[in-house]
Amino acid sequence: MSEPDGLLAAGGDLSIERLLLAYRSGIFPWYDEPPILWWSPDPRFVLFPSNLQVSASMRQVLRRQQFRITFNENFNGVIARCSRIARPGQSGTWITNEMRQAYMRLHEAGYAMSVESWVGDKLAGGLYGVKIGQYFFGESMFADVSNASKAAFITFVQTYAHELKMIDCQVQTDHLASLGAGFISREEFLELLNFS
């Protein structure tokens, strides 16, 4: 019954229970004004940790420890910065105050997490998403300093590679494609989501 672009439903709420059910079902919220819109794109853009590609230049950035990478040290700062970053082709943000509050609740409940890149004591980049079992559902990333979000993402994947089956990137970006993400069908994506 979904639309060709992956739109499944409109309405509902952003309670912890509904969000967890949605992610476990391969669905995520994405909207800039009410009602809440729920999506499950086909194909789906994902990264399998074993497919991570780290360029020679990024290996140098990581070796030089250009950034200090932390986990869950400033979730609110990361999501706030993601909500303000200008994105090509988008006039506003889908990270509304309602979305921020919902993901803060998910973070406090132990599901949403952030990865931060620091230069000194300044937040230079990062990402956040939802981790449920062996799956990470990426939501957004930002970089105020070149390579800051890539360094955060690569460090995250390398740190959690032993326990993650799949990272859901939702929709294609050149940034994530360069790191090894690619398309799989929605059918395959849903088959891989096994929370039993």
Protein backbone atom coordinates (compact mmCIF):
# COMPACT_ATOMS: atom_id res chain seq x y z
CA MET A 1 0.00 0.00 0.00
CA SER A 2 3.03 2.31 0.19
CA GLU A 3 3.70 5.20 -2.16
CA PRO A 4 6.50 4.64 -4.74
CA ASP A 5 8.78 6.98 -2.73
CA GLY A 6 8.33 4.85 0.40
CA LEU A 7 5.69 6.88 2.25
CA LEU A 8 3.61 4.44 4.31
CA ALA A 9 1.44 6.41 6.72
CA ALA A 10 0.66 9.77 8.29
CA GLY A 11 -0.24 10.56 11.88
CA GLY A 12 0.42 8.83 15.17
CA ASP A 13 2.91 10.06 17.74
CA LEU A 14 6.61 9.90 18.59
CA SER A 15 6.34 7.84 21.77
CA ILE A 16 9.25 5.55 22.62
CA GLU A 17 7.04 2.50 22.05
CA ARG A 18 5.86 3.62 18.60
CA LEU A 19 9.36 4.63 17.47
CA LEU A 20 10.88 1.30 18.55
CA LEU A 21 8.08 -0.62 16.81
CA ALA A 22 8.62 1.47 13.68
CA TYR A 23 12.39 0.88 13.56
CA ARG A 24 11.94 -2.84 14.21
CA SER A 25 9.55 -2.87 11.25
CA GLY A 26 11.92 -1.01 8.93
CA ILE A 27 10.01 2.28 9.19
CA PHE A 28 11.21 5.75 10.27
CA PRO A 29 9.58 9.19 10.75
CA TRP A 30 10.55 12.05 8.45
CA TYR A 31 8.53 15.25 8.15
CA ASP A 32 8.90 19.00 8.58
CA GLU A 33 5.40 19.87 9.81
CA PRO A 34 2.44 17.84 11.11
CA PRO A 35 1.23 15.25 10.47
CA ILE A 36 4.09 12.85 11.23
CA LEU A 37 5.03 10.96 8.05
CA TRP A 38 6.34 7.37 8.22
CA TRP A 39 8.66 5.99 5.53
CA SER A 40 10.13 2.70 4.32
CA PRO A 41 12.03 3.42 1.05
CA ASP A 42 12.64 0.82 -1.65
CA PRO A 43 15.48 0.34 -2.30
CA ARG A 44 17.10 0.97 1.08
CA PHE A 45 20.58 2.45 1.50
CA VAL A 46 22.61 0.45 4.03
CA LEU A 47 26.16 -0.28 5.12
CA PHE A 48 27.35 -3.69 6.21
CA PRO A 49 30.30 -3.15 8.58
CA SER A 50 32.50 -5.54 6.56
CA ASN A 51 31.99 -3.28 3.51
CA LEU A 52 33.34 -0.15 5.21
CA GLN A 53 35.76 1.67 2.89
CA VAL A 54 38.35 3.98 4.41
CA SER A 55 40.31 6.05 1.91
CA ALA A 56 44.04 6.57 2.27
CA SER A 57 43.46 10.23 3.13
CA MET A 58 40.95 9.32 5.86
CA ARG A 59 43.36 6.72 7.26
CA GLN A 60 45.89 9.54 7.61
CA VAL A 61 43.32 11.78 9.33
CA LEU A 62 42.56 9.01 11.82
CA ARG A 63 46.23 8.10 12.34
CA ARG A 64 47.10 11.73 13.06
CA GLN A 65 44.23 11.84 15.58
CA GLN A 66 43.04 15.08 14.05
CA PHE A 67 39.78 14.55 15.95
CA ARG A 68 38.98 13.22 19.39
CA ILE A 69 36.04 10.85 18.99
CA THR A 70 33.58 10.22 21.83
CA PHE A 71 30.32 8.33 22.23
CA ASN A 72 27.22 9.78 23.91
CA GLU A 73 29.15 12.66 25.41
CA ASN A 74 26.98 15.41 23.89
CA PHE A 75 23.84 13.89 22.35
CA ASN A 76 21.88 17.12 22.70
CA GLY A 77 24.64 19.13 21.05
CA VAL A 78 24.84 16.75 18.09
CA ILE A 79 21.10 16.64 17.42
CA ALA A 80 20.85 20.42 17.86
CA ARG A 81 23.66 20.98 15.35
CA CYS A 82 22.17 18.45 12.89
CA SER A 83 18.90 20.37 13.04
CA ARG A 84 20.58 23.63 12.00
CA ILE A 85 22.91 22.50 9.22
CA ALA A 86 22.06 23.68 5.70
CA ARG A 87 21.37 20.79 3.32
CA PRO A 88 21.29 21.00 -0.49
CA GLY A 89 17.74 21.05 -1.83
CA GLN A 90 16.14 21.53 1.60
CA SER A 91 14.83 24.87 2.79
CA GLY A 92 14.01 23.85 6.37
CA THR A 93 14.73 21.02 8.75
CA TRP A 94 12.94 17.78 9.49
CA ILE A 95 14.54 17.72 12.97
CA THR A 96 11.78 19.74 14.58
CA ASN A 97 11.61 20.47 18.28
CA GLU A 98 9.12 17.59 18.59
CA MET A 99 11.62 15.23 16.91
CA ARG A 100 14.46 16.48 19.13
CA GLN A 101 12.44 15.83 22.27
CA ALA A 102 11.43 12.36 21.04
CA TYR A 103 15.03 11.34 20.34
CA MET A 104 16.20 12.80 23.64
CA ARG A 105 13.69 10.45 25.32
CA LEU A 106 15.02 7.56 23.22
CA HIS A 107 18.55 8.51 24.28
CA GLU A 108 17.60 8.62 27.94
CA ALA A 109 15.99 5.19 27.50
CA GLY A 110 19.27 3.81 26.12
CA TYR A 111 18.34 3.47 22.44
CA ALA A 112 19.42 6.65 20.66
CA MET A 113 23.15 7.37 20.66
CA SER A 114 25.55 9.97 19.37
CA VAL A 115 29.12 9.99 18.15
CA GLU A 116 31.06 13.24 18.49
CA SER A 117 34.17 14.60 16.76
CA TRP A 118 36.04 17.22 18.73
CA VAL A 119 38.84 19.64 17.92
CA GLY A 120 40.08 20.63 21.34
CA ASP A 121 36.94 21.33 23.36
CA LYS A 122 34.86 22.36 20.30
CA LEU A 123 32.28 20.02 18.77
CA ALA A 124 33.41 19.76 15.13
CA GLY A 125 31.09 17.09 13.77
CA GLY A 126 29.12 14.01 14.64
CA LEU A 127 26.13 11.80 14.05
CA TYR A 128 23.23 10.27 15.91
CA GLY A 129 20.88 7.38 15.41
CA VAL A 130 19.04 4.54 17.08
CA LYS A 131 20.75 1.30 18.10
CA ILE A 132 18.50 -1.68 18.69
CA GLY A 133 20.33 -4.95 19.21
CA GLN A 134 22.56 -5.67 16.20
CA TYR A 135 21.19 -2.82 14.08
CA PHE A 136 21.98 0.88 13.94
CA PHE A 137 19.50 3.21 12.26
CA GLY A 138 21.39 6.36 11.30
CA GLU A 139 19.38 9.56 11.52
CA SER A 140 21.63 12.52 10.75
CA MET A 141 25.21 13.75 10.71
CA PHE A 142 26.98 17.10 10.47
CA ALA A 143 30.47 18.48 10.02
CA ASP A 144 31.63 21.99 10.85
CA VAL A 145 35.21 20.91 10.08
CA SER A 146 36.12 18.91 6.98
CA ASN A 147 36.18 15.13 7.60
CA ALA A 148 34.77 15.47 11.14
CA SER A 149 31.60 13.46 10.47
CA LYS A 150 33.49 10.88 8.39
CA ALA A 151 35.94 10.36 11.25
CA ALA A 152 33.05 9.91 13.67
CA PHE A 153 31.25 7.47 11.38
CA ILE A 154 34.34 5.38 10.60
CA THR A 155 35.31 5.18 14.27
CA PHE A 156 31.74 4.19 15.17
CA VAL A 157 31.64 1.39 12.56
CA GLN A 158 35.09 0.08 13.52
CA THR A 159 34.22 0.18 17.24
CA TYR A 160 30.89 -1.63 16.87
CA ALA A 161 31.73 -3.88 13.87
CA HIS A 162 31.82 -7.00 16.06
CA GLU A 163 28.22 -6.54 17.21
CA LEU A 164 26.44 -4.82 14.32
CA LYS A 165 24.85 -6.73 11.44
CA MET A 166 23.77 -3.69 9.48
CA ILE A 167 23.71 0.10 9.53
CA ASP A 168 20.60 1.64 8.00
CA CYS A 169 21.52 4.84 6.16
CA GLN A 170 17.91 5.24 4.93
CA VAL A 171 18.53 7.28 1.78
CA GLN A 172 21.53 7.69 -0.50
CA THR A 173 24.21 10.32 -0.02
CA ASP A 174 27.54 10.55 -1.85
CA HIS A 175 29.18 10.92 1.56
CA LEU A 176 27.96 7.49 2.74
CA ALA A 177 28.42 5.85 -0.68
CA SER A 178 32.12 6.78 -0.52
CA LEU A 179 32.32 4.88 2.80
CA GLY A 180 30.89 1.66 1.32
CA ALA A 181 27.12 2.00 1.70
CA GLY A 182 24.90 0.68 -1.08
CA PHE A 183 21.35 -0.25 -2.02
CA ILE A 184 19.43 -3.37 -1.15
CA SER A 185 15.75 -4.02 -1.81
CA ARG A 186 13.21 -3.26 0.90
CA GLU A 187 12.30 -6.95 0.86
CA GLU A 188 15.91 -7.95 1.59
CA PHE A 189 16.20 -5.21 4.21
CA LEU A 190 13.12 -6.48 6.05
CA GLU A 191 14.39 -10.08 5.84
CA LEU A 192 17.67 -8.97 7.43
CA LEU A 193 15.85 -7.25 10.31
CA ASN A 194 15.61 -10.20 12.68
CA PHE A 195 15.01 -9.25 16.30
CA SER A 196 14.17 -12.76 17.51
